[in-house]
Amino acid sequence: MTTTTLRVPEKVLKSLKLISVKEQTSINKIMNGLLMEFLEDYLDSKDADKALEEMEEKEQAFADELAQ
């Protein structure tokens, strides 16, 4: 695993610190969880976009066939 620096507003950092104490976990684990969730949602939305695009292409091809 590599390390990086993440710059966040002080208010966000304070909130993360409070949550990490309350949940008895590290800020790193919290951030990893949030980032993984974001990436999964992003990839799911891209898959959905691709599926919608494919469906629209198929509908257009079908409409073109009917028009002939």
C-alpha atoms as a PDB file:
ATOM      1  CA  MET A   1       0.000   0.000   0.000  1.00  0.00           C
ATOM      2  CA  THR A   2       1.266   3.462  -0.819  1.00  0.00           C
ATOM      3  CA  THR A   3       0.706   6.660   1.101  1.00  0.00           C
ATOM      4  CA  THR A   4      -0.533  10.028  -0.025  1.00  0.00           C
ATOM      5  CA  THR A   5      -1.466  13.348   1.505  1.00  0.00           C
ATOM      6  CA  LEU A   6      -5.088  14.382   1.464  1.00  0.00           C
ATOM      7  CA  ARG A   7      -5.907  18.006   2.128  1.00  0.00           C
ATOM      8  CA  VAL A   8      -9.277  18.567   3.767  1.00  0.00           C
ATOM      9  CA  PRO A   9     -10.786  21.553   5.511  1.00  0.00           C
ATOM     10  CA  GLU A  10     -10.073  21.707   9.242  1.00  0.00           C
ATOM     11  CA  LYS A  11     -13.759  21.253  10.082  1.00  0.00           C
ATOM     12  CA  VAL A  12     -13.832  18.003   8.075  1.00  0.00           C
ATOM     13  CA  LEU A  13     -10.687  16.732   9.776  1.00  0.00           C
ATOM     14  CA  LYS A  14     -12.135  17.488  13.212  1.00  0.00           C
ATOM     15  CA  SER A  15     -15.302  15.625  12.287  1.00  0.00           C
ATOM     16  CA  LEU A  16     -13.282  12.643  11.046  1.00  0.00           C
ATOM     17  CA  LYS A  17     -11.297  12.594  14.276  1.00  0.00           C
ATOM     18  CA  LEU A  18     -14.487  12.624  16.357  1.00  0.00           C
ATOM     19  CA  ILE A  19     -16.016   9.835  14.289  1.00  0.00           C
ATOM     20  CA  SER A  20     -12.861   7.740  14.484  1.00  0.00           C
ATOM     21  CA  VAL A  21     -12.818   8.024  18.280  1.00  0.00           C
ATOM     22  CA  LYS A  22     -16.524   7.240  18.551  1.00  0.00           C
ATOM     23  CA  GLU A  23     -16.273   4.272  16.169  1.00  0.00           C
ATOM     24  CA  GLN A  24     -12.918   3.167  17.595  1.00  0.00           C
ATOM     25  CA  THR A  25     -11.325   2.993  14.166  1.00  0.00           C
ATOM     26  CA  SER A  26      -8.684   4.926  12.285  1.00  0.00           C
ATOM     27  CA  ILE A  27      -9.305   7.843   9.975  1.00  0.00           C
ATOM     28  CA  ASN A  28      -7.491   5.781   7.353  1.00  0.00           C
ATOM     29  CA  LYS A  29     -10.096   3.007   7.567  1.00  0.00           C
ATOM     30  CA  ILE A  30     -12.930   5.537   7.398  1.00  0.00           C
ATOM     31  CA  MET A  31     -11.428   7.214   4.332  1.00  0.00           C
ATOM     32  CA  ASN A  32     -10.682   3.876   2.645  1.00  0.00           C
ATOM     33  CA  GLY A  33     -14.293   2.808   3.162  1.00  0.00           C
ATOM     34  CA  LEU A  34     -15.652   6.071   1.801  1.00  0.00           C
ATOM     35  CA  LEU A  35     -13.348   6.010  -1.202  1.00  0.00           C
ATOM     36  CA  MET A  36     -14.176   2.396  -2.034  1.00  0.00           C
ATOM     37  CA  GLU A  37     -17.899   3.143  -1.790  1.00  0.00           C
ATOM     38  CA  PHE A  38     -17.480   6.168  -4.064  1.00  0.00           C
ATOM     39  CA  LEU A  39     -15.496   4.171  -6.627  1.00  0.00           C
ATOM     40  CA  GLU A  40     -18.043   1.335  -6.636  1.00  0.00           C
ATOM     41  CA  ASP A  41     -20.902   3.809  -7.118  1.00  0.00           C
ATOM     42  CA  TYR A  42     -18.993   5.569  -9.869  1.00  0.00           C
ATOM     43  CA  LEU A  43     -18.244   2.347 -11.716  1.00  0.00           C
ATOM     44  CA  ASP A  44     -21.842   1.155 -11.283  1.00  0.00           C
ATOM     45  CA  SER A  45     -23.108   4.417 -12.772  1.00  0.00           C
ATOM     46  CA  LYS A  46     -20.710   4.042 -15.705  1.00  0.00           C
ATOM     47  CA  ASP A  47     -21.963   0.480 -16.242  1.00  0.00           C
ATOM     48  CA  ALA A  48     -25.528   1.795 -16.127  1.00  0.00           C
ATOM     49  CA  ASP A  49     -24.659   4.556 -18.594  1.00  0.00           C
ATOM     50  CA  LYS A  50     -23.093   2.027 -20.952  1.00  0.00           C
ATOM     51  CA  ALA A  51     -26.093  -0.309 -20.691  1.00  0.00           C
ATOM     52  CA  LEU A  52     -28.483   2.568 -21.393  1.00  0.00           C
ATOM     53  CA  GLU A  53     -26.411   3.622 -24.385  1.00  0.00           C
ATOM     54  CA  GLU A  54     -26.436   0.064 -25.755  1.00  0.00           C
ATOM     55  CA  MET A  55     -30.195  -0.199 -25.248  1.00  0.00           C
ATOM     56  CA  GLU A  56     -30.760   3.082 -27.089  1.00  0.00           C
ATOM     57  CA  GLU A  57     -28.585   1.872 -29.979  1.00  0.00           C
ATOM     58  CA  LYS A  58     -30.599  -1.362 -30.204  1.00  0.00           C
ATOM     59  CA  GLU A  59     -33.891   0.553 -30.117  1.00  0.00           C
ATOM     60  CA  GLN A  60     -32.651   2.836 -32.913  1.00  0.00           C
ATOM     61  CA  ALA A  61     -31.566  -0.149 -35.005  1.00  0.00           C
ATOM     62  CA  PHE A  62     -34.975  -1.757 -34.467  1.00  0.00           C
ATOM     63  CA  ALA A  63     -36.753   1.478 -35.428  1.00  0.00           C
ATOM     64  CA  ASP A  64     -34.589   1.722 -38.532  1.00  0.00           C
ATOM     65  CA  GLU A  65     -35.551  -1.848 -39.515  1.00  0.00           C
ATOM     66  CA  LEU A  66     -39.237  -1.068 -39.088  1.00  0.00           C
ATOM     67  CA  ALA A  67     -38.909   2.070 -41.204  1.00  0.00           C
ATOM     68  CA  GLN A  68     -37.585   0.104 -44.190  1.00  0.00           C
END
